[in-house]
Structures are given as structure tokens and as C-alpha cells.
């Protein structure tokens, strides 16, 4: 694993208490996922929220699902952080 990946996983684990193995499992489970399918995306959002032990409101879940399925997901970390913290 590269130094960048190590640092990324360390950061994820510090901020959310999610292990690198759990991240890999989720990544492998969505390799061929259809991100335009609302049901698929909603299940992924719920799974990630549960893994992170972070409750997510229905309104926030709806907003995230809509952004992903409509391909309007921002790609910069600052905008993503703002979206998830609302």
C-alpha cells in the first residue's frame, strides 16, 4: 500500500472509526454498482452511515442519494465535507 493510501486510511479511521478492511469490503461491493439506481445508492449511503455510527436524517440521505444518482456529486473534499455536515 502506498504512503498516500496509508495516510488516507489512517485519517478515515481517526475520523470515523472505520477500519481499512471495512473500507475495502465496501469498495469491492460497489465495483460494478449502478450509481444511477436510487435503491442501490440509498443502500450504500445507509450502510456507510451505519458503519461510521453516524445517524443520518432522511432529508440528508435524500439529498446525498439525489446528488449521486443525478451525477451532481462534487469531487472536491471541501464541498463534500460541507454536504455531509449539514
N, C-alpha and C. Protein backbone atom coordinates (compact mmCIF):
# COMPACT_ATOMS: atom_id res chain seq x y z
N UNK A 1 0.85 -1.18 0.00
CA UNK A 1 0.00 0.00 0.00
C UNK A 1 0.90 1.24 0.00
N UNK A 2 0.51 2.24 -0.76
CA UNK A 2 1.32 3.45 -0.84
C UNK A 2 1.19 4.29 0.42
N UNK A 3 2.12 5.21 0.59
CA UNK A 3 2.10 6.10 1.73
C UNK A 3 0.81 6.94 1.72
N UNK A 4 0.38 7.37 0.53
CA UNK A 4 -0.85 8.15 0.41
C UNK A 4 -2.04 7.33 0.92
N UNK A 5 -2.12 6.06 0.50
CA UNK A 5 -3.22 5.21 0.94
C UNK A 5 -3.18 4.98 2.44
N UNK A 6 -1.99 4.76 2.97
CA UNK A 6 -1.85 4.60 4.43
C UNK A 6 -2.38 5.82 5.16
N UNK A 7 -1.98 7.00 4.70
CA UNK A 7 -2.42 8.25 5.34
C UNK A 7 -3.93 8.43 5.21
N UNK A 8 -4.46 8.10 4.04
CA UNK A 8 -5.91 8.23 3.82
C UNK A 8 -6.67 7.31 4.77
N UNK A 9 -6.25 6.04 4.86
CA UNK A 9 -6.92 5.10 5.74
C UNK A 9 -6.77 5.49 7.20
N UNK A 10 -5.61 6.01 7.58
CA UNK A 10 -5.42 6.48 8.96
C UNK A 10 -6.41 7.60 9.26
N UNK A 11 -6.56 8.52 8.33
CA UNK A 11 -7.48 9.66 8.50
C UNK A 11 -8.92 9.18 8.61
N UNK A 12 -9.31 8.26 7.74
CA UNK A 12 -10.67 7.72 7.78
C UNK A 12 -10.92 7.04 9.13
N UNK A 13 -9.97 6.24 9.57
CA UNK A 13 -10.15 5.52 10.82
C UNK A 13 -10.21 6.48 12.01
N UNK A 14 -9.39 7.53 12.00
CA UNK A 14 -9.41 8.51 13.10
C UNK A 14 -10.74 9.25 13.15
N UNK A 15 -11.27 9.63 11.99
CA UNK A 15 -12.47 10.45 11.94
C UNK A 15 -13.76 9.65 12.09
N UNK A 16 -13.73 8.36 11.76
CA UNK A 16 -14.98 7.62 11.75
C UNK A 16 -14.91 6.26 12.42
N UNK A 17 -13.75 5.85 12.85
CA UNK A 17 -13.56 4.55 13.47
C UNK A 17 -13.96 3.41 12.54
N UNK A 18 -13.70 3.59 11.25
CA UNK A 18 -13.94 2.55 10.25
C UNK A 18 -12.58 1.98 9.86
N UNK A 19 -12.45 0.67 9.95
CA UNK A 19 -11.17 0.04 9.65
C UNK A 19 -10.92 -0.01 8.14
N UNK A 20 -9.65 -0.06 7.75
CA UNK A 20 -9.34 -0.19 6.32
C UNK A 20 -9.98 -1.43 5.69
N UNK A 21 -10.09 -2.53 6.44
CA UNK A 21 -10.74 -3.73 5.90
C UNK A 21 -12.19 -3.47 5.56
N UNK A 22 -12.88 -2.71 6.40
CA UNK A 22 -14.28 -2.39 6.12
C UNK A 22 -14.39 -1.52 4.87
N UNK A 23 -13.45 -0.58 4.71
CA UNK A 23 -13.45 0.28 3.52
C UNK A 23 -13.26 -0.58 2.27
N UNK A 24 -12.33 -1.52 2.32
CA UNK A 24 -12.10 -2.41 1.18
C UNK A 24 -13.34 -3.24 0.86
N UNK A 25 -14.02 -3.74 1.89
CA UNK A 25 -15.23 -4.54 1.66
C UNK A 25 -16.29 -3.72 0.94
N UNK A 26 -16.49 -2.49 1.40
CA UNK A 26 -17.48 -1.63 0.75
C UNK A 26 -17.05 -1.33 -0.68
N UNK A 27 -15.79 -0.99 -0.87
CA UNK A 27 -15.29 -0.68 -2.22
C UNK A 27 -15.49 -1.87 -3.15
N UNK A 28 -15.20 -3.06 -2.69
CA UNK A 28 -15.39 -4.25 -3.53
C UNK A 28 -16.86 -4.51 -3.82
N UNK A 29 -17.72 -4.19 -2.88
CA UNK A 29 -19.15 -4.45 -3.07
C UNK A 29 -19.79 -3.50 -4.07
N UNK A 30 -19.14 -2.37 -4.33
CA UNK A 30 -19.75 -1.40 -5.25
C UNK A 30 -18.97 -1.24 -6.55
N UNK A 31 -18.02 -2.14 -6.79
CA UNK A 31 -17.21 -2.04 -8.01
C UNK A 31 -18.05 -1.91 -9.26
N UNK A 32 -19.07 -2.72 -9.38
CA UNK A 32 -19.91 -2.71 -10.58
C UNK A 32 -21.31 -2.18 -10.30
N UNK A 33 -21.43 -1.40 -9.24
CA UNK A 33 -22.74 -0.87 -8.85
C UNK A 33 -23.24 0.17 -9.85
N UNK A 34 -24.54 0.23 -9.98
CA UNK A 34 -25.20 1.21 -10.84
C UNK A 34 -25.55 2.42 -9.98
N UNK A 35 -24.73 3.46 -10.07
CA UNK A 35 -24.94 4.64 -9.23
C UNK A 35 -26.05 5.55 -9.73
N UNK A 36 -26.71 5.15 -10.80
CA UNK A 36 -27.90 5.88 -11.23
C UNK A 36 -29.16 5.25 -10.65
N UNK A 37 -29.00 4.09 -9.99
CA UNK A 37 -30.12 3.38 -9.38
C UNK A 37 -30.30 3.86 -7.93
N UNK A 38 -31.42 4.49 -7.67
CA UNK A 38 -31.67 5.08 -6.35
C UNK A 38 -31.61 4.04 -5.23
N UNK A 39 -32.16 2.86 -5.45
CA UNK A 39 -32.18 1.82 -4.42
C UNK A 39 -30.76 1.39 -4.04
N UNK A 40 -29.91 1.23 -5.03
CA UNK A 40 -28.52 0.84 -4.80
C UNK A 40 -27.78 1.91 -4.01
N UNK A 41 -27.93 3.15 -4.44
CA UNK A 41 -27.23 4.26 -3.79
C UNK A 41 -27.74 4.46 -2.37
N UNK A 42 -29.04 4.37 -2.19
CA UNK A 42 -29.62 4.55 -0.84
C UNK A 42 -29.09 3.48 0.11
N UNK A 43 -29.01 2.25 -0.36
CA UNK A 43 -28.48 1.16 0.47
C UNK A 43 -27.03 1.43 0.84
N UNK A 44 -26.25 1.93 -0.10
CA UNK A 44 -24.84 2.25 0.17
C UNK A 44 -24.72 3.38 1.19
N UNK A 45 -25.50 4.42 1.04
CA UNK A 45 -25.46 5.55 1.97
C UNK A 45 -25.84 5.08 3.37
N UNK A 46 -26.87 4.26 3.48
CA UNK A 46 -27.29 3.75 4.78
C UNK A 46 -26.21 2.86 5.39
N UNK A 47 -25.58 2.03 4.56
CA UNK A 47 -24.52 1.14 5.04
C UNK A 47 -23.33 1.94 5.57
N UNK A 48 -22.94 2.96 4.83
CA UNK A 48 -21.80 3.78 5.26
C UNK A 48 -22.11 4.55 6.54
N UNK A 49 -23.32 5.08 6.64
CA UNK A 49 -23.71 5.80 7.85
C UNK A 49 -23.69 4.86 9.06
N UNK A 50 -24.17 3.63 8.86
CA UNK A 50 -24.18 2.65 9.94
C UNK A 50 -22.76 2.27 10.33
N UNK A 51 -21.90 2.05 9.34
CA UNK A 51 -20.51 1.69 9.62
C UNK A 51 -19.82 2.78 10.42
N UNK A 52 -20.10 4.02 10.06
CA UNK A 52 -19.46 5.15 10.73
C UNK A 52 -20.14 5.48 12.05
N UNK A 53 -21.24 4.78 12.34
CA UNK A 53 -22.02 5.03 13.54
C UNK A 53 -22.45 6.50 13.62
N UNK A 54 -22.85 7.01 12.46
CA UNK A 54 -23.30 8.39 12.34
C UNK A 54 -24.74 8.39 11.84
N UNK A 55 -25.68 8.78 12.69
CA UNK A 55 -27.06 8.82 12.22
C UNK A 55 -27.19 9.84 11.09
N UNK A 56 -28.05 9.52 10.15
CA UNK A 56 -28.26 10.40 9.01
C UNK A 56 -29.77 10.64 8.88
N UNK A 57 -30.13 11.89 8.77
CA UNK A 57 -31.55 12.21 8.65
C UNK A 57 -32.06 11.80 7.28
N UNK A 58 -33.35 11.60 7.19
CA UNK A 58 -33.98 11.23 5.91
C UNK A 58 -33.72 12.32 4.87
N UNK A 59 -33.79 13.57 5.29
CA UNK A 59 -33.57 14.69 4.37
C UNK A 59 -32.14 14.69 3.82
N UNK A 60 -31.16 14.45 4.69
CA UNK A 60 -29.77 14.42 4.25
C UNK A 60 -29.53 13.22 3.35
N UNK A 61 -30.10 12.08 3.73
CA UNK A 61 -29.96 10.87 2.90
C UNK A 61 -30.55 11.13 1.51
N UNK A 62 -31.73 11.73 1.47
CA UNK A 62 -32.36 12.05 0.18
C UNK A 62 -31.48 12.95 -0.67
N UNK A 63 -30.89 13.95 -0.04
CA UNK A 63 -30.04 14.90 -0.77
C UNK A 63 -28.80 14.21 -1.33
N UNK A 64 -28.18 13.36 -0.53
CA UNK A 64 -26.98 12.65 -0.97
C UNK A 64 -27.33 11.69 -2.11
N UNK A 65 -28.41 10.94 -1.93
CA UNK A 65 -28.83 9.98 -2.96
C UNK A 65 -29.15 10.71 -4.27
N UNK A 66 -29.87 11.81 -4.18
CA UNK A 66 -30.20 12.57 -5.38
C UNK A 66 -28.95 13.10 -6.07
N UNK A 67 -28.02 13.62 -5.29
CA UNK A 67 -26.78 14.14 -5.87
C UNK A 67 -26.00 13.06 -6.60
N UNK A 68 -25.93 11.88 -6.01
CA UNK A 68 -25.18 10.79 -6.64
C UNK A 68 -25.90 10.26 -7.87
N UNK A 69 -27.20 10.00 -7.75
CA UNK A 69 -27.92 9.42 -8.88
C UNK A 69 -28.05 10.36 -10.06
N UNK A 70 -28.03 11.64 -9.80
CA UNK A 70 -28.13 12.61 -10.89
C UNK A 70 -26.74 13.07 -11.36
N UNK A 71 -25.71 12.40 -10.84
CA UNK A 71 -24.33 12.68 -11.22
C UNK A 71 -23.92 14.12 -10.90
N UNK A 72 -24.46 14.67 -9.83
CA UNK A 72 -24.14 16.03 -9.40
C UNK A 72 -23.26 16.03 -8.17
N UNK A 73 -22.57 14.94 -7.93
CA UNK A 73 -21.75 14.82 -6.74
C UNK A 73 -20.48 15.65 -6.91
N UNK A 74 -20.22 16.58 -5.98
CA UNK A 74 -18.98 17.36 -6.06
C UNK A 74 -17.78 16.46 -5.81
N UNK A 75 -16.67 16.77 -6.44
CA UNK A 75 -15.49 15.93 -6.33
C UNK A 75 -14.41 16.51 -5.43
N UNK A 76 -14.57 17.74 -4.95
CA UNK A 76 -13.55 18.28 -4.06
C UNK A 76 -13.97 18.04 -2.61
N UNK A 77 -12.97 17.79 -1.76
CA UNK A 77 -13.22 17.40 -0.37
C UNK A 77 -13.92 18.47 0.44
N UNK A 78 -13.63 19.71 0.19
CA UNK A 78 -14.25 20.79 0.96
C UNK A 78 -15.77 20.81 0.74
N UNK A 79 -16.20 20.69 -0.50
CA UNK A 79 -17.62 20.70 -0.81
C UNK A 79 -18.29 19.44 -0.27
N UNK A 80 -17.62 18.29 -0.37
CA UNK A 80 -18.16 17.04 0.17
C UNK A 80 -18.32 17.14 1.69
N UNK A 81 -17.33 17.67 2.37
CA UNK A 81 -17.43 17.83 3.83
C UNK A 81 -18.61 18.70 4.21
N UNK A 82 -18.80 19.80 3.51
CA UNK A 82 -19.93 20.69 3.80
C UNK A 82 -21.25 19.97 3.60
N UNK A 83 -21.34 19.18 2.54
CA UNK A 83 -22.57 18.47 2.23
C UNK A 83 -22.92 17.46 3.33
N UNK A 84 -21.92 16.73 3.80
CA UNK A 84 -22.17 15.71 4.81
C UNK A 84 -22.36 16.27 6.20
N UNK A 85 -21.90 17.48 6.46
CA UNK A 85 -22.02 18.07 7.78
C UNK A 85 -23.32 18.83 7.98
N UNK A 86 -24.03 19.10 6.91
CA UNK A 86 -25.30 19.85 7.04
C UNK A 86 -26.31 19.10 7.82
